[in-house]
Amino acid sequence: MEKRIGDVLERLLIRKGAGIGFKLAQLWRNWDMVMGEELRHMAIPLGHRKNTIIIGAEDNMVQQELSYYSYEIIERVNAFLDEPYFDKVQVDLIMGKSALDEVTLPTIERHAPVLPPKPERLGNLLGKLDPESPVTRCYEKYVRLYSHRK
């Protein structure tokens, strides 16, 4: 029985009480898709407070226009969340606030471990040690480590 890790992780998070937080994080990441072509440039996600979604607008004209789209924004967001979570839209002017759809997670640089130079006589003991010994298995693995190295 195959299961996708994303599905299993989502169910686990919901069971542990992080369900709506996980869904909201997905909403912010997929904001452009949820809002569609006409609204994605005007409606900038700033957050939520209880059952109110907070949307940012660049200026007063856009703020007024977004207030007319409140019902549609609620419908789209709740459809994405698969539940009627939000019931109000609050439209604020951005005024330097950071949008949630632009927040990026820090990346972790991964470095491959640097192996010391290959010992000159590495492998001379192969076949001479007790094959049942854990030390022999460790030694064989150490030899293989250097044999795959370019």
N, C-alpha and C. Protein backbone atom coordinates (compact mmCIF):
# COMPACT_ATOMS: atom_id res chain seq x y z
N MET A 1 0.84 -1.17 0.00
CA MET A 1 0.00 0.00 0.00
C MET A 1 0.90 1.24 0.00
N GLU A 2 0.85 1.96 -1.11
CA GLU A 2 1.69 3.16 -1.23
C GLU A 2 0.91 4.38 -0.78
N LYS A 3 1.61 5.25 -0.05
CA LYS A 3 1.03 6.51 0.39
C LYS A 3 2.03 7.61 0.08
N ARG A 4 1.51 8.75 -0.32
CA ARG A 4 2.38 9.88 -0.55
C ARG A 4 2.76 10.49 0.79
N ILE A 5 4.01 10.88 0.92
CA ILE A 5 4.50 11.43 2.19
C ILE A 5 3.76 12.71 2.55
N GLY A 6 3.37 13.50 1.54
CA GLY A 6 2.63 14.73 1.81
C GLY A 6 1.28 14.46 2.44
N ASP A 7 0.60 13.40 1.97
CA ASP A 7 -0.71 13.05 2.54
C ASP A 7 -0.57 12.58 3.98
N VAL A 8 0.42 11.74 4.21
CA VAL A 8 0.65 11.21 5.56
C VAL A 8 1.03 12.34 6.51
N LEU A 9 1.91 13.23 6.04
CA LEU A 9 2.35 14.36 6.87
C LEU A 9 1.18 15.29 7.19
N GLU A 10 0.33 15.54 6.20
CA GLU A 10 -0.81 16.42 6.44
C GLU A 10 -1.74 15.83 7.49
N ARG A 11 -2.04 14.53 7.40
CA ARG A 11 -2.90 13.89 8.40
C ARG A 11 -2.26 13.93 9.79
N LEU A 12 -0.95 13.72 9.85
CA LEU A 12 -0.25 13.76 11.13
C LEU A 12 -0.34 15.15 11.74
N LEU A 13 -0.12 16.18 10.94
CA LEU A 13 -0.18 17.55 11.44
C LEU A 13 -1.58 17.91 11.92
N ILE A 14 -2.58 17.43 11.20
CA ILE A 14 -3.96 17.71 11.61
C ILE A 14 -4.26 17.03 12.94
N ARG A 15 -3.80 15.78 13.11
CA ARG A 15 -4.01 15.07 14.36
C ARG A 15 -3.31 15.75 15.53
N LYS A 16 -2.15 16.36 15.26
CA LYS A 16 -1.39 17.01 16.33
C LYS A 16 -1.85 18.44 16.58
N GLY A 17 -2.88 18.90 15.86
CA GLY A 17 -3.44 20.22 16.11
C GLY A 17 -2.88 21.32 15.24
N ALA A 18 -2.09 21.00 14.24
CA ALA A 18 -1.51 22.03 13.38
C ALA A 18 -2.22 22.09 12.04
N GLY A 19 -3.43 21.57 11.96
CA GLY A 19 -4.15 21.47 10.70
C GLY A 19 -4.35 22.79 10.00
N ILE A 20 -4.99 23.75 10.67
CA ILE A 20 -5.30 25.01 10.00
C ILE A 20 -4.03 25.82 9.74
N GLY A 21 -3.06 25.74 10.64
CA GLY A 21 -1.80 26.45 10.40
C GLY A 21 -1.09 25.93 9.18
N PHE A 22 -1.12 24.62 9.00
CA PHE A 22 -0.51 23.99 7.83
C PHE A 22 -1.25 24.42 6.56
N LYS A 23 -2.58 24.42 6.62
CA LYS A 23 -3.37 24.82 5.46
C LYS A 23 -3.15 26.30 5.12
N LEU A 24 -3.04 27.13 6.15
CA LEU A 24 -2.80 28.56 5.90
C LEU A 24 -1.43 28.79 5.27
N ALA A 25 -0.43 28.04 5.71
CA ALA A 25 0.90 28.16 5.10
C ALA A 25 0.84 27.78 3.63
N GLN A 26 0.06 26.75 3.30
CA GLN A 26 -0.12 26.36 1.90
C GLN A 26 -0.86 27.46 1.12
N LEU A 27 -1.82 28.10 1.78
CA LEU A 27 -2.56 29.18 1.14
C LEU A 27 -1.63 30.32 0.76
N TRP A 28 -0.76 30.73 1.69
CA TRP A 28 0.14 31.85 1.40
C TRP A 28 1.09 31.49 0.26
N ARG A 29 1.55 30.24 0.23
CA ARG A 29 2.47 29.82 -0.84
C ARG A 29 1.78 29.78 -2.21
N ASN A 30 0.50 29.49 -2.23
CA ASN A 30 -0.24 29.34 -3.48
C ASN A 30 -1.18 30.52 -3.74
N TRP A 31 -0.87 31.66 -3.15
CA TRP A 31 -1.76 32.81 -3.20
C TRP A 31 -2.08 33.23 -4.63
N ASP A 32 -1.08 33.32 -5.51
CA ASP A 32 -1.32 33.75 -6.89
C ASP A 32 -2.32 32.84 -7.59
N MET A 33 -2.18 31.54 -7.40
CA MET A 33 -3.09 30.59 -8.03
C MET A 33 -4.51 30.73 -7.46
N VAL A 34 -4.62 30.92 -6.16
CA VAL A 34 -5.93 31.02 -5.52
C VAL A 34 -6.66 32.28 -5.97
N MET A 35 -5.96 33.39 -6.05
CA MET A 35 -6.60 34.65 -6.39
C MET A 35 -6.89 34.79 -7.89
N GLY A 36 -6.13 34.13 -8.71
CA GLY A 36 -6.37 34.25 -10.14
C GLY A 36 -5.69 35.48 -10.72
N GLU A 37 -5.78 35.58 -12.03
CA GLU A 37 -5.05 36.61 -12.77
C GLU A 37 -5.47 38.03 -12.39
N GLU A 38 -6.77 38.28 -12.24
CA GLU A 38 -7.21 39.66 -12.02
C GLU A 38 -6.98 40.17 -10.59
N LEU A 39 -6.96 39.28 -9.60
CA LEU A 39 -6.83 39.73 -8.21
C LEU A 39 -5.43 39.57 -7.63
N ARG A 40 -4.60 38.74 -8.22
CA ARG A 40 -3.33 38.43 -7.57
C ARG A 40 -2.39 39.62 -7.45
N HIS A 41 -2.50 40.58 -8.36
CA HIS A 41 -1.63 41.76 -8.28
C HIS A 41 -2.19 42.81 -7.31
N MET A 42 -3.49 42.79 -7.09
CA MET A 42 -4.11 43.78 -6.21
C MET A 42 -4.14 43.31 -4.75
N ALA A 43 -4.51 42.05 -4.53
CA ALA A 43 -4.71 41.53 -3.17
C ALA A 43 -3.43 40.89 -2.67
N ILE A 44 -2.82 41.50 -1.68
CA ILE A 44 -1.55 41.02 -1.13
C ILE A 44 -1.83 40.45 0.27
N PRO A 45 -1.53 39.17 0.49
CA PRO A 45 -1.87 38.58 1.79
C PRO A 45 -0.97 39.11 2.91
N LEU A 46 -1.59 39.57 3.97
CA LEU A 46 -0.84 40.08 5.12
C LEU A 46 -1.02 39.20 6.36
N GLY A 47 -2.06 38.39 6.41
CA GLY A 47 -2.25 37.51 7.55
C GLY A 47 -3.71 37.28 7.85
N HIS A 48 -3.99 36.88 9.08
CA HIS A 48 -5.36 36.67 9.50
C HIS A 48 -5.47 36.91 11.01
N ARG A 49 -6.66 37.22 11.42
CA ARG A 49 -6.96 37.38 12.84
C ARG A 49 -8.30 36.69 13.08
N LYS A 50 -8.24 35.59 13.80
CA LYS A 50 -9.42 34.74 14.03
C LYS A 50 -9.99 34.34 12.67
N ASN A 51 -11.23 34.73 12.36
CA ASN A 51 -11.86 34.33 11.09
C ASN A 51 -11.86 35.45 10.05
N THR A 52 -10.95 36.40 10.21
CA THR A 52 -10.83 37.51 9.28
C THR A 52 -9.51 37.41 8.55
N ILE A 53 -9.57 37.42 7.22
CA ILE A 53 -8.34 37.42 6.43
C ILE A 53 -7.95 38.87 6.17
N ILE A 54 -6.67 39.17 6.33
CA ILE A 54 -6.18 40.54 6.17
C ILE A 54 -5.43 40.63 4.85
N ILE A 55 -5.92 41.51 3.98
CA ILE A 55 -5.37 41.69 2.64
C ILE A 55 -4.77 43.09 2.56
N GLY A 56 -3.64 43.21 1.89
CA GLY A 56 -3.00 44.50 1.72
C GLY A 56 -3.28 45.08 0.34
N ALA A 57 -3.34 46.39 0.28
CA ALA A 57 -3.54 47.10 -0.98
C ALA A 57 -2.48 48.19 -1.09
N GLU A 58 -2.07 48.46 -2.32
CA GLU A 58 -1.02 49.46 -2.56
C GLU A 58 -1.50 50.89 -2.28
N ASP A 59 -2.74 51.20 -2.65
CA ASP A 59 -3.25 52.55 -2.46
C ASP A 59 -4.74 52.51 -2.17
N ASN A 60 -5.34 53.70 -1.96
CA ASN A 60 -6.75 53.79 -1.58
C ASN A 60 -7.69 53.29 -2.67
N MET A 61 -7.33 53.52 -3.92
CA MET A 61 -8.19 53.07 -5.03
C MET A 61 -8.28 51.55 -5.05
N VAL A 62 -7.14 50.89 -4.92
CA VAL A 62 -7.12 49.43 -4.91
C VAL A 62 -7.82 48.91 -3.66
N GLN A 63 -7.64 49.61 -2.55
CA GLN A 63 -8.30 49.22 -1.31
C GLN A 63 -9.82 49.23 -1.48
N GLN A 64 -10.34 50.27 -2.12
CA GLN A 64 -11.78 50.37 -2.35
C GLN A 64 -12.25 49.26 -3.30
N GLU A 65 -11.49 49.01 -4.35
CA GLU A 65 -11.87 47.97 -5.31
C GLU A 65 -11.86 46.58 -4.66
N LEU A 66 -10.87 46.32 -3.81
CA LEU A 66 -10.81 45.03 -3.13
C LEU A 66 -11.98 44.83 -2.17
N SER A 67 -12.50 45.91 -1.61
CA SER A 67 -13.65 45.77 -0.72
C SER A 67 -14.87 45.25 -1.49
N TYR A 68 -14.96 45.56 -2.79
CA TYR A 68 -16.05 45.03 -3.61
C TYR A 68 -15.87 43.54 -3.91
N TYR A 69 -14.62 43.07 -3.87
CA TYR A 69 -14.31 41.67 -4.15
C TYR A 69 -14.29 40.80 -2.88
N SER A 70 -14.70 41.34 -1.76
CA SER A 70 -14.60 40.61 -0.48
C SER A 70 -15.26 39.24 -0.54
N TYR A 71 -16.48 39.18 -1.06
CA TYR A 71 -17.19 37.90 -1.10
C TYR A 71 -16.44 36.89 -1.97
N GLU A 72 -15.95 37.34 -3.11
CA GLU A 72 -15.22 36.43 -4.01
C GLU A 72 -13.91 35.96 -3.37
N ILE A 73 -13.22 36.85 -2.67
CA ILE A 73 -11.97 36.47 -2.00
C ILE A 73 -12.25 35.40 -0.94
N ILE A 74 -13.30 35.60 -0.15
CA ILE A 74 -13.66 34.61 0.87
C ILE A 74 -13.99 33.27 0.23
N GLU A 75 -14.76 33.30 -0.86
CA GLU A 75 -15.13 32.06 -1.55
C GLU A 75 -13.90 31.32 -2.05
N ARG A 76 -12.97 32.03 -2.68
CA ARG A 76 -11.77 31.39 -3.23
C ARG A 76 -10.88 30.81 -2.13
N VAL A 77 -10.69 31.59 -1.09
CA VAL A 77 -9.81 31.14 0.00
C VAL A 77 -10.42 29.94 0.73
N ASN A 78 -11.70 30.01 1.04
CA ASN A 78 -12.34 28.88 1.73
C ASN A 78 -12.40 27.64 0.85
N ALA A 79 -12.55 27.81 -0.45
CA ALA A 79 -12.52 26.66 -1.37
C ALA A 79 -11.15 26.01 -1.35
N PHE A 80 -10.10 26.82 -1.31
CA PHE A 80 -8.74 26.27 -1.25
C PHE A 80 -8.52 25.52 0.07
N LEU A 81 -9.04 26.06 1.15
CA LEU A 81 -8.86 25.44 2.47
C LEU A 81 -9.79 24.24 2.69
N ASP A 82 -10.75 24.05 1.81
CA ASP A 82 -11.73 22.96 1.92
C ASP A 82 -12.59 23.05 3.18
N GLU A 83 -12.76 24.25 3.68
CA GLU A 83 -13.64 24.46 4.84
C GLU A 83 -13.97 25.95 4.93
N PRO A 84 -15.12 26.29 5.49
CA PRO A 84 -15.49 27.71 5.62
C PRO A 84 -14.79 28.36 6.82
N TYR A 85 -13.50 28.63 6.67
CA TYR A 85 -12.72 29.15 7.79
C TYR A 85 -12.89 30.67 7.94
N PHE A 86 -12.79 31.40 6.83
CA PHE A 86 -12.87 32.87 6.89
C PHE A 86 -14.30 33.33 6.60
N ASP A 87 -14.72 34.39 7.31
CA ASP A 87 -16.03 34.96 7.04
C ASP A 87 -15.97 36.47 6.81
N LYS A 88 -14.80 37.08 6.95
CA LYS A 88 -14.64 38.52 6.72
C LYS A 88 -13.31 38.79 6.04
N VAL A 89 -13.27 39.92 5.31
CA VAL A 89 -12.03 40.39 4.70
C VAL A 89 -11.76 41.78 5.23
N GLN A 90 -10.54 42.00 5.69
CA GLN A 90 -10.11 43.32 6.13
C GLN A 90 -9.04 43.78 5.14
N VAL A 91 -9.26 44.92 4.50
CA VAL A 91 -8.31 45.43 3.51
C VAL A 91 -7.57 46.60 4.13
N ASP A 92 -6.26 46.46 4.27
CA ASP A 92 -5.40 47.50 4.84
C ASP A 92 -4.45 48.01 3.77
N LEU A 93 -3.95 49.21 3.97
CA LEU A 93 -2.87 49.70 3.12
C LEU A 93 -1.58 49.03 3.55
N ILE A 94 -0.75 48.71 2.59
CA ILE A 94 0.48 47.95 2.89
C ILE A 94 1.42 48.76 3.77
N MET A 95 1.78 49.94 3.35
CA MET A 95 2.65 50.85 4.10
C MET A 95 3.87 50.15 4.70
N GLY A 96 4.61 49.42 3.88
CA GLY A 96 5.85 48.80 4.32
C GLY A 96 5.73 47.43 4.94
N LYS A 97 4.54 46.89 5.08
CA LYS A 97 4.37 45.55 5.65
C LYS A 97 4.82 44.50 4.64
N SER A 98 5.33 43.40 5.13
CA SER A 98 5.78 42.35 4.21
C SER A 98 4.64 41.39 3.92
N ALA A 99 4.54 41.01 2.66
CA ALA A 99 3.49 40.10 2.22
C ALA A 99 3.86 38.66 2.57
N LEU A 100 2.88 37.87 2.93
CA LEU A 100 3.13 36.48 3.31
C LEU A 100 3.47 35.60 2.12
N ASP A 101 3.05 35.98 0.92
CA ASP A 101 3.37 35.15 -0.24
C ASP A 101 4.81 35.37 -0.71
N GLU A 102 5.50 36.33 -0.13
CA GLU A 102 6.90 36.59 -0.50
C GLU A 102 7.88 36.09 0.55
N VAL A 103 7.38 35.62 1.67
CA VAL A 103 8.26 35.13 2.74
C VAL A 103 8.90 33.82 2.28
N THR A 104 10.20 33.76 2.39
CA THR A 104 10.91 32.54 2.00
C THR A 104 11.59 31.95 3.22
N LEU A 105 11.71 30.66 3.21
CA LEU A 105 12.39 29.97 4.29
C LEU A 105 13.89 30.02 4.07
N PRO A 106 14.67 30.09 5.12
CA PRO A 106 16.12 30.09 4.94
C PRO A 106 16.57 28.75 4.38
N THR A 107 17.59 28.81 3.53
CA THR A 107 18.12 27.57 2.97
C THR A 107 19.32 27.12 3.79
N ILE A 108 19.50 25.84 3.82
CA ILE A 108 20.62 25.26 4.55
C ILE A 108 21.62 24.76 3.53
N GLU A 109 22.83 25.25 3.63
CA GLU A 109 23.86 24.78 2.72
C GLU A 109 24.39 23.44 3.21
N ARG A 110 24.45 22.52 2.31
CA ARG A 110 24.96 21.20 2.66
C ARG A 110 26.32 21.02 2.03
N HIS A 111 27.25 20.58 2.82
CA HIS A 111 28.60 20.33 2.34
C HIS A 111 28.91 18.85 2.47
N ALA A 112 29.50 18.32 1.43
CA ALA A 112 29.92 16.92 1.49
C ALA A 112 31.15 16.83 2.39
N PRO A 113 31.21 15.81 3.21
CA PRO A 113 32.38 15.68 4.08
C PRO A 113 33.64 15.44 3.24
N VAL A 114 34.71 16.03 3.68
CA VAL A 114 35.98 15.88 2.98
C VAL A 114 36.70 14.66 3.55
N LEU A 115 37.00 13.73 2.67
CA LEU A 115 37.71 12.52 3.10
C LEU A 115 39.21 12.79 3.14
N PRO A 116 39.88 12.23 4.11
CA PRO A 116 41.34 12.35 4.11
C PRO A 116 41.90 11.53 2.95
N PRO A 117 43.16 11.75 2.59
CA PRO A 117 43.74 10.98 1.48
C PRO A 117 43.68 9.48 1.77
N LYS A 118 43.56 8.69 0.71
CA LYS A 118 43.46 7.24 0.85
C LYS A 118 44.77 6.69 1.41
N PRO A 119 44.68 5.88 2.47
CA PRO A 119 45.89 5.25 3.02
C PRO A 119 46.54 4.33 1.98
N GLU A 120 47.86 4.26 2.00
CA GLU A 120 48.59 3.49 0.98
C GLU A 120 48.23 2.01 0.99
N ARG A 121 48.15 1.40 2.14
CA ARG A 121 47.95 -0.05 2.22
C ARG A 121 46.50 -0.42 2.51
N LEU A 122 45.58 0.44 2.17
CA LEU A 122 44.18 0.17 2.43
C LEU A 122 43.71 -1.00 1.57
N GLY A 123 43.12 -1.99 2.18
CA GLY A 123 42.62 -3.16 1.47
C GLY A 123 43.49 -4.38 1.61
N ASN A 124 44.68 -4.24 2.18
CA ASN A 124 45.59 -5.38 2.33
C ASN A 124 45.03 -6.45 3.27
N LEU A 125 44.15 -6.08 4.16
CA LEU A 125 43.62 -7.04 5.13
C LEU A 125 42.35 -7.74 4.65
N LEU A 126 41.87 -7.39 3.46
CA LEU A 126 40.66 -8.04 2.95
C LEU A 126 40.92 -9.53 2.78
N GLY A 127 40.03 -10.35 3.29
CA GLY A 127 40.16 -11.81 3.20
C GLY A 127 40.98 -12.41 4.32
N LYS A 128 41.68 -11.62 5.10
CA LYS A 128 42.53 -12.14 6.18
C LYS A 128 41.83 -12.08 7.54
N LEU A 129 40.77 -11.30 7.63
CA LEU A 129 40.06 -11.13 8.90
C LEU A 129 38.87 -12.08 8.98
N ASP A 130 38.40 -12.32 10.18
CA ASP A 130 37.23 -13.18 10.41
C ASP A 130 36.01 -12.55 9.74
N PRO A 131 35.37 -13.25 8.77
CA PRO A 131 34.25 -12.66 8.04
C PRO A 131 33.02 -12.39 8.91
N GLU A 132 32.90 -13.02 10.06
CA GLU A 132 31.75 -12.83 10.95
C GLU A 132 31.94 -11.65 11.90
N SER A 133 33.12 -11.08 11.92
CA SER A 133 33.43 -10.02 12.88
C SER A 133 32.83 -8.68 12.43
N PRO A 134 32.26 -7.92 13.35
CA PRO A 134 31.77 -6.58 13.02
C PRO A 134 32.91 -5.66 12.59
N VAL A 135 34.10 -5.90 13.10
CA VAL A 135 35.26 -5.09 12.71
C VAL A 135 35.56 -5.32 11.23
N THR A 136 35.44 -6.56 10.77
CA THR A 136 35.68 -6.88 9.36
C THR A 136 34.66 -6.17 8.47
N ARG A 137 33.39 -6.21 8.86
CA ARG A 137 32.36 -5.52 8.07
C ARG A 137 32.62 -4.02 8.02
N CYS A 138 33.06 -3.47 9.11
CA CYS A 138 33.39 -2.04 9.15
C CYS A 138 34.57 -1.74 8.24
N TYR A 139 35.59 -2.59 8.28
CA TYR A 139 36.78 -2.40 7.46
C TYR A 139 36.41 -2.50 5.97
N GLU A 140 35.57 -3.48 5.61
CA GLU A 140 35.16 -3.63 4.21
C GLU A 140 34.39 -2.41 3.73
N LYS A 141 33.56 -1.88 4.58
CA LYS A 141 32.81 -0.68 4.22
C LYS A 141 33.76 0.52 4.05
N TYR A 142 34.76 0.61 4.89
CA TYR A 142 35.76 1.67 4.79
C TYR A 142 36.52 1.56 3.47
N VAL A 143 36.86 0.35 3.06
CA VAL A 143 37.55 0.13 1.79
C VAL A 143 36.64 0.53 0.63
N ARG A 144 35.35 0.16 0.71
CA ARG A 144 34.39 0.53 -0.35
C ARG A 144 34.23 2.04 -0.44
N LEU A 145 34.31 2.71 0.67
CA LEU A 145 34.19 4.17 0.67
C LEU A 145 35.25 4.80 -0.23
N TYR A 146 36.46 4.29 -0.15
CA TYR A 146 37.54 4.84 -0.97
C TYR A 146 37.52 4.28 -2.39
N SER A 147 36.94 3.10 -2.61
CA SER A 147 36.92 2.54 -3.96
C SER A 147 35.91 3.28 -4.84
N HIS A 148 34.86 3.89 -4.25
CA HIS A 148 33.88 4.65 -5.02
C HIS A 148 34.31 6.09 -5.22
N ARG A 149 35.34 6.48 -4.56
CA ARG A 149 35.82 7.87 -4.63
C ARG A 149 36.59 8.08 -5.91
N LYS A 150 36.35 9.21 -6.52
CA LYS A 150 37.05 9.53 -7.78
C LYS A 150 38.22 10.42 -7.53
